[in-house]
């Protein structure tokens, strides 16, 4: 390659590196998983780093050996001795078979086995075996619709909030999740790993966060026209602030029975990120939704929503301003 070509490649590499570095400064950074805040997310990050380190050690060693062989046995003054009768080396066999076997065995034990138990969403030992909570564990029922989230707190007079999750720090939170429509994924990258949320089924997940803050939750699977707006803020607050929020929520006049949930579950693109709070929902709503979906209940998407999304969003904006 010419000097000009090398110069051009260097400029492109510098631009790419700068873009990657500046990407970490974005408000909604795509590098959330590299900045874990929850106990489960930290454990997942550690296992990922172990996996990457083992793989890089193998790839790095292989790359070094390739370069070394190319230099040593190059034509001319490489210095390596050529033996036309050579056919076998126990030393090479030992390393080419031994290193992969050790790596696979280590990853099987350290990541596959330990990681599966530690991060099992139904019983994550990284949380349950090390719990020193400042309060009792909190249960949250999660219902995903097209394209909103509803979080119900059965321990607190069945209050609920849409498109926002509020939990106290230093407290285990156990989720039960279901969907009214297609399968999607519940995922708060900095706090807890993703879990499928499926119609007519119940899945579970758990998390504990040792520090307060606001974190982005997303629907990690594509589930239709409103997926990009199917977001929720996760607010981790102190225990005192959490109880203040609960007291405030209990005073809200809005309630939700199954008839009202039918209206809520109709397809809606939450462009304006509304977070209505309900002072009370029917105690059996979560299980009732699962049963209804199993019996064939559907909340169909109006055709105009996907045929002319711009007109629909304009209509929604007018309703929001009103």
Protein backbone atom coordinates (compact mmCIF):
# COMPACT_ATOMS: atom_id res chain seq x y z
CA UNK A 1 0.00 0.00 0.00
CA UNK A 2 1.10 3.52 -0.75
CA UNK A 3 1.90 6.17 1.81
CA UNK A 4 -1.26 8.03 0.78
CA UNK A 5 -3.40 4.95 1.44
CA UNK A 6 -1.87 4.46 4.90
CA UNK A 7 -2.51 8.14 5.69
CA UNK A 8 -6.15 7.86 4.65
CA UNK A 9 -6.65 4.71 6.75
CA UNK A 10 -5.07 6.45 9.73
CA UNK A 11 -7.52 9.35 9.46
CA UNK A 12 -10.48 6.99 9.25
CA UNK A 13 -9.23 5.05 12.28
CA UNK A 14 -8.81 8.29 14.26
CA UNK A 15 -12.35 9.40 13.38
CA UNK A 16 -13.77 6.01 14.37
CA UNK A 17 -11.89 5.98 17.69
CA UNK A 18 -13.00 9.54 18.49
CA UNK A 19 -16.62 8.64 17.71
CA UNK A 20 -16.48 5.62 20.01
CA UNK A 21 -14.97 7.64 22.85
CA UNK A 22 -17.47 10.49 22.48
CA UNK A 23 -20.31 7.96 22.36
CA UNK A 24 -19.73 7.30 26.05
CA UNK A 25 -20.51 10.95 26.79
CA UNK A 26 -24.00 10.81 25.32
CA UNK A 27 -26.91 11.27 27.66
CA UNK A 28 -28.53 8.08 26.38
CA UNK A 29 -25.32 6.15 25.99
CA UNK A 30 -25.29 2.84 24.08
CA UNK A 31 -22.62 1.65 26.53
CA UNK A 32 -24.97 1.14 29.48
CA UNK A 33 -23.90 -2.46 30.07
CA UNK A 34 -20.33 -1.25 30.66
CA UNK A 35 -21.52 0.98 33.51
CA UNK A 36 -23.44 -1.41 35.79
CA UNK A 37 -25.13 -0.08 38.93
CA UNK A 38 -27.26 -3.01 40.08
CA UNK A 39 -25.92 -6.09 41.85
CA UNK A 40 -27.10 -8.41 39.09
CA UNK A 41 -25.76 -6.12 36.37
CA UNK A 42 -22.38 -5.99 38.13
CA UNK A 43 -22.24 -9.78 38.28
CA UNK A 44 -23.22 -10.06 34.61
CA UNK A 45 -20.51 -7.54 33.70
CA UNK A 46 -17.90 -9.49 35.70
CA UNK A 47 -18.78 -12.77 33.97
CA UNK A 48 -18.66 -11.05 30.59
CA UNK A 49 -15.21 -9.63 31.35
CA UNK A 50 -13.95 -13.07 32.42
CA UNK A 51 -15.24 -14.53 29.15
CA UNK A 52 -13.68 -11.74 27.09
CA UNK A 53 -10.35 -11.97 28.95
CA UNK A 54 -10.06 -15.72 28.35
CA UNK A 55 -10.94 -15.36 24.69
CA UNK A 56 -8.55 -12.44 24.22
CA UNK A 57 -5.72 -14.36 25.86
CA UNK A 58 -6.18 -17.17 23.33
CA UNK A 59 -6.58 -14.84 20.36
CA UNK A 60 -3.68 -12.67 21.52
CA UNK A 61 -1.35 -15.63 22.02
CA UNK A 62 -2.31 -17.01 18.61
CA UNK A 63 -1.67 -13.65 16.94
CA UNK A 64 1.73 -13.32 18.62
CA UNK A 65 2.74 -16.83 17.54
CA UNK A 66 1.63 -16.18 13.95
CA UNK A 67 3.72 -13.02 13.77
CA UNK A 68 6.67 -14.76 15.42
CA UNK A 69 6.54 -17.68 12.97
CA UNK A 70 6.23 -15.32 10.01
CA UNK A 71 9.32 -13.41 11.12
CA UNK A 72 11.41 -16.39 12.21
CA UNK A 73 10.70 -18.60 9.22
CA UNK A 74 10.52 -15.96 6.51
CA UNK A 75 12.56 -16.46 3.40
CA UNK A 76 15.99 -14.95 3.69
CA UNK A 77 17.51 -14.10 7.05
CA UNK A 78 14.73 -15.27 9.32
CA UNK A 79 17.03 -17.49 11.33
CA UNK A 80 14.64 -20.42 11.61
CA UNK A 81 15.90 -23.84 10.60
CA UNK A 82 13.91 -25.74 7.99
CA UNK A 83 13.60 -29.48 8.54
CA UNK A 84 11.95 -31.23 5.62
CA UNK A 85 11.52 -34.47 7.60
CA UNK A 86 9.70 -32.88 10.55
CA UNK A 87 6.19 -34.27 11.09
CA UNK A 88 5.22 -34.15 14.77
CA UNK A 89 5.85 -32.28 18.03
CA UNK A 90 4.44 -33.24 21.42
CA UNK A 91 5.10 -29.71 22.65
CA UNK A 92 2.90 -28.22 19.95
CA UNK A 93 0.24 -30.89 20.55
CA UNK A 94 0.27 -30.09 24.25
CA UNK A 95 -0.34 -26.38 23.73
CA UNK A 96 -2.79 -26.63 20.81
CA UNK A 97 -5.00 -29.10 22.70
CA UNK A 98 -4.21 -28.27 26.30
CA UNK A 99 -4.92 -24.53 26.25
CA UNK A 100 -8.42 -24.86 24.65
CA UNK A 101 -9.34 -27.70 27.03
CA UNK A 102 -8.30 -25.65 30.06
CA UNK A 103 -10.10 -22.57 28.72
CA UNK A 104 -13.34 -24.46 28.03
CA UNK A 105 -13.21 -26.20 31.42
CA UNK A 106 -12.62 -22.91 33.23
CA UNK A 107 -15.41 -21.12 31.35
CA UNK A 108 -17.77 -24.04 31.93
CA UNK A 109 -17.25 -23.83 35.67
CA UNK A 110 -16.72 -20.11 36.22
CA UNK A 111 -19.25 -18.72 33.75
CA UNK A 112 -21.69 -21.39 32.60
CA UNK A 113 -22.32 -23.08 35.97
CA UNK A 114 -21.70 -20.32 38.51
CA UNK A 115 -23.16 -17.65 36.25
CA UNK A 116 -26.32 -19.64 35.59
CA UNK A 117 -27.03 -19.95 39.31
CA UNK A 118 -25.91 -16.44 40.21
CA UNK A 119 -28.02 -14.76 37.52
CA UNK A 120 -30.96 -17.15 37.30
CA UNK A 121 -33.83 -14.64 37.02
CA UNK A 122 -36.18 -16.85 39.04
CA UNK A 123 -33.75 -17.19 41.95
CA UNK A 124 -30.59 -15.12 41.48
CA UNK A 125 -28.20 -16.30 44.17
CA UNK A 126 -26.09 -13.17 43.68
CA UNK A 127 -29.02 -11.39 45.37
CA UNK A 128 -30.79 -13.99 47.52
CA UNK A 129 -27.62 -15.45 49.11
CA UNK A 130 -26.04 -12.09 49.89
CA UNK A 131 -29.09 -10.06 50.85
CA UNK A 132 -28.54 -7.49 53.58
CA UNK A 133 -31.49 -5.30 52.67
CA UNK A 134 -32.51 -2.13 54.44
CA UNK A 135 -36.16 -3.05 53.94
CA UNK A 136 -38.44 -5.96 53.11
CA UNK A 137 -38.28 -7.24 49.54
CA UNK A 138 -40.72 -5.57 47.18
CA UNK A 139 -42.92 -7.34 44.64
CA UNK A 140 -43.82 -5.62 41.38
CA UNK A 141 -46.26 -6.99 38.80
CA UNK A 142 -45.35 -5.85 35.29
CA UNK A 143 -47.77 -5.83 32.36
CA UNK A 144 -46.48 -4.93 28.90
CA UNK A 145 -48.97 -3.67 26.32
CA UNK A 146 -48.65 -2.18 22.84
CA UNK A 147 -46.64 0.02 23.63
CA UNK A 148 -46.62 0.85 27.32
CA UNK A 149 -45.58 -0.60 30.65
CA UNK A 150 -47.76 -0.89 33.75
CA UNK A 151 -46.07 -1.46 37.13
CA UNK A 152 -48.32 -2.65 39.96
CA UNK A 153 -47.26 -2.72 43.63
CA UNK A 154 -49.45 -5.36 45.32
CA UNK A 155 -47.88 -4.80 48.76
CA UNK A 156 -48.88 -1.14 48.78
CA UNK A 157 -52.66 -1.24 48.34
CA UNK A 158 -52.17 -2.16 44.67
CA UNK A 159 -51.01 1.23 43.53
CA UNK A 160 -49.67 1.36 39.99
CA UNK A 161 -47.75 3.64 37.65
CA UNK A 162 -47.40 3.52 33.88
CA UNK A 163 -44.08 3.89 32.07
CA UNK A 164 -42.08 4.57 35.22
CA UNK A 165 -40.64 2.21 37.82
CA UNK A 166 -39.92 3.54 41.29
CA UNK A 167 -38.01 1.36 43.77
CA UNK A 168 -35.94 1.93 46.92
CA UNK A 169 -32.18 1.43 47.01
CA UNK A 170 -30.64 -1.47 48.97
CA UNK A 171 -33.88 -3.44 48.65
CA UNK A 172 -34.46 -6.62 46.60
CA UNK A 173 -37.19 -6.19 44.01
CA UNK A 174 -38.92 -9.27 42.58
CA UNK A 175 -40.83 -8.94 39.32
CA UNK A 176 -43.63 -10.99 37.81
CA UNK A 177 -44.10 -10.14 34.15
CA UNK A 178 -46.65 -10.77 31.42
CA UNK A 179 -47.75 -9.22 28.14
CA UNK A 180 -51.06 -8.47 26.45
CA UNK A 181 -49.71 -8.72 22.92
CA UNK A 182 -46.48 -9.98 21.37
CA UNK A 183 -43.37 -11.11 23.18
CA UNK A 184 -40.96 -8.37 24.16
CA UNK A 185 -38.07 -8.03 26.60
CA UNK A 186 -37.93 -6.20 29.91
CA UNK A 187 -34.44 -4.73 30.22
CA UNK A 188 -32.77 -2.11 32.40
CA UNK A 189 -29.18 -2.40 31.11
CA UNK A 190 -27.47 -0.82 34.13
CA UNK A 191 -29.55 -2.69 36.70
CA UNK A 192 -30.86 -6.07 35.56
CA UNK A 193 -30.53 -8.44 32.61
CA UNK A 194 -33.25 -8.83 30.03
CA UNK A 195 -36.09 -11.31 30.41
CA UNK A 196 -38.80 -12.29 27.94
CA UNK A 197 -42.27 -10.87 28.64
CA UNK A 198 -44.74 -13.17 26.91
CA UNK A 199 -48.52 -13.10 26.37
CA UNK A 200 -50.50 -15.62 28.38
CA UNK A 201 -47.45 -16.52 30.46
CA UNK A 202 -45.72 -15.32 33.60
CA UNK A 203 -41.98 -14.85 33.83
CA UNK A 204 -39.90 -13.59 36.74
CA UNK A 205 -36.89 -11.41 37.33
CA UNK A 206 -35.17 -9.75 40.28
CA UNK A 207 -32.81 -6.91 41.03
CA UNK A 208 -31.22 -4.95 43.84
CA UNK A 209 -29.60 -1.55 43.40
CA UNK A 210 -27.20 -0.20 46.05
CA UNK A 211 -27.28 3.42 44.94
CA UNK A 212 -29.90 5.97 43.98
CA UNK A 213 -30.27 7.35 40.48
CA UNK A 214 -32.39 7.39 37.34
CA UNK A 215 -31.82 4.61 34.82
CA UNK A 216 -33.28 3.87 31.41
CA UNK A 217 -35.49 0.83 30.89
CA UNK A 218 -36.33 -0.39 27.41
CA UNK A 219 -38.27 -2.97 25.44
CA UNK A 220 -35.30 -4.89 24.09
CA UNK A 221 -37.23 -6.82 21.41
CA UNK A 222 -38.92 -5.26 18.40
CA UNK A 223 -42.66 -5.48 19.01
CA UNK A 224 -44.28 -3.21 16.47
CA UNK A 225 -44.59 0.40 15.41
CA UNK A 226 -44.23 1.89 18.90
CA UNK A 227 -41.18 -0.05 20.04
CA UNK A 228 -38.88 2.99 19.88
CA UNK A 229 -41.10 4.81 22.39
CA UNK A 230 -41.71 1.81 24.66
CA UNK A 231 -39.36 3.15 27.31
CA UNK A 232 -39.59 3.61 31.04
CA UNK A 233 -37.53 5.46 33.60
CA UNK A 234 -36.35 3.48 36.60
CA UNK A 235 -36.03 5.79 39.59
CA UNK A 236 -34.05 4.32 42.48
CA UNK A 237 -34.66 6.44 45.56
CA UNK A 238 -34.00 6.27 49.29
CA UNK A 239 -36.42 4.31 51.46
CA UNK A 240 -37.82 7.53 52.91
CA UNK A 241 -38.41 8.98 49.44
CA UNK A 242 -40.00 5.72 48.32
CA UNK A 243 -42.53 5.75 51.15
CA UNK A 244 -43.29 9.39 50.40
CA UNK A 245 -43.94 8.43 46.79
CA UNK A 246 -46.18 5.54 47.90
CA UNK A 247 -48.18 7.88 50.14
CA UNK A 248 -48.57 10.30 47.24
CA UNK A 249 -49.62 7.51 44.86
CA UNK A 250 -52.23 6.20 47.29
CA UNK A 251 -53.88 9.63 47.29
CA UNK A 252 -54.32 9.67 43.52
CA UNK A 253 -57.99 9.61 42.46
CA UNK A 254 -57.30 7.52 39.34
CA UNK A 255 -58.08 3.83 39.70
CA UNK A 256 -58.00 0.90 37.32
CA UNK A 257 -60.38 -2.03 37.12
CA UNK A 258 -60.38 -4.54 34.28
CA UNK A 259 -62.71 -2.42 32.14
CA UNK A 260 -60.38 0.56 32.50
CA UNK A 261 -57.40 -1.67 31.79
CA UNK A 262 -59.04 -2.62 28.48
CA UNK A 263 -58.82 1.04 27.52
CA UNK A 264 -55.24 1.35 28.77
CA UNK A 265 -54.16 -1.77 26.86
CA UNK A 266 -55.34 -0.45 23.50
CA UNK A 267 -52.31 0.20 21.24
CA UNK A 268 -50.85 3.58 22.09
CA UNK A 269 -47.53 5.12 21.09
CA UNK A 270 -46.31 6.95 24.19
CA UNK A 271 -44.45 9.71 22.36
CA UNK A 272 -44.93 12.19 25.20
CA UNK A 273 -43.80 9.68 27.84
CA UNK A 274 -46.85 10.03 30.05
CA UNK A 275 -46.51 8.41 33.47
CA UNK A 276 -50.00 8.32 35.01
CA UNK A 277 -50.28 7.04 38.58
CA UNK A 278 -53.21 4.95 39.80
CA UNK A 279 -54.17 5.03 43.46
CA UNK A 280 -55.64 1.53 43.24
CA UNK A 281 -55.98 -1.28 40.72
CA UNK A 282 -58.02 -4.44 41.03
CA UNK A 283 -56.03 -6.98 43.11
CA UNK A 284 -56.50 -9.78 40.57
CA UNK A 285 -55.69 -7.71 37.49
CA UNK A 286 -52.33 -9.34 36.70
CA UNK A 287 -53.67 -12.90 36.80
CA UNK A 288 -56.87 -11.85 35.02
CA UNK A 289 -54.85 -10.44 32.12
CA UNK A 290 -52.94 -13.73 31.78
CA UNK A 291 -56.20 -15.71 31.79
CA UNK A 292 -57.88 -13.42 29.27
CA UNK A 293 -54.95 -13.66 26.86
CA UNK A 294 -54.89 -17.44 27.23
CA UNK A 295 -58.58 -17.43 26.28
CA UNK A 296 -57.86 -15.49 23.10
CA UNK A 297 -58.37 -11.88 24.17
CA UNK A 298 -56.67 -9.42 21.79
CA UNK A 299 -56.20 -5.68 21.61
CA UNK A 300 -55.90 -5.20 17.82
CA UNK A 301 -53.75 -2.46 16.31
CA UNK A 302 -55.80 -0.02 14.19
CA UNK A 303 -54.62 -0.07 10.61
CA UNK A 304 -54.22 3.71 10.40
CA UNK A 305 -51.57 3.62 13.14
CA UNK A 306 -49.08 1.87 10.89
CA UNK A 307 -50.34 3.07 7.50
CA UNK A 308 -49.90 6.73 8.38
CA UNK A 309 -47.93 7.08 11.58
CA UNK A 310 -47.24 10.76 11.00
CA UNK A 311 -50.97 11.59 10.95
CA UNK A 312 -51.51 9.43 14.02
CA UNK A 313 -48.71 11.15 15.94
CA UNK A 314 -50.08 14.56 14.93
CA UNK A 315 -53.49 13.53 16.26
CA UNK A 316 -51.91 12.31 19.49
CA UNK A 317 -50.00 15.58 19.88
CA UNK A 318 -53.25 17.55 19.63
CA UNK A 319 -54.84 15.33 22.27
CA UNK A 320 -51.80 15.81 24.49
CA UNK A 321 -51.98 19.60 24.20
CA UNK A 322 -55.70 19.53 24.93
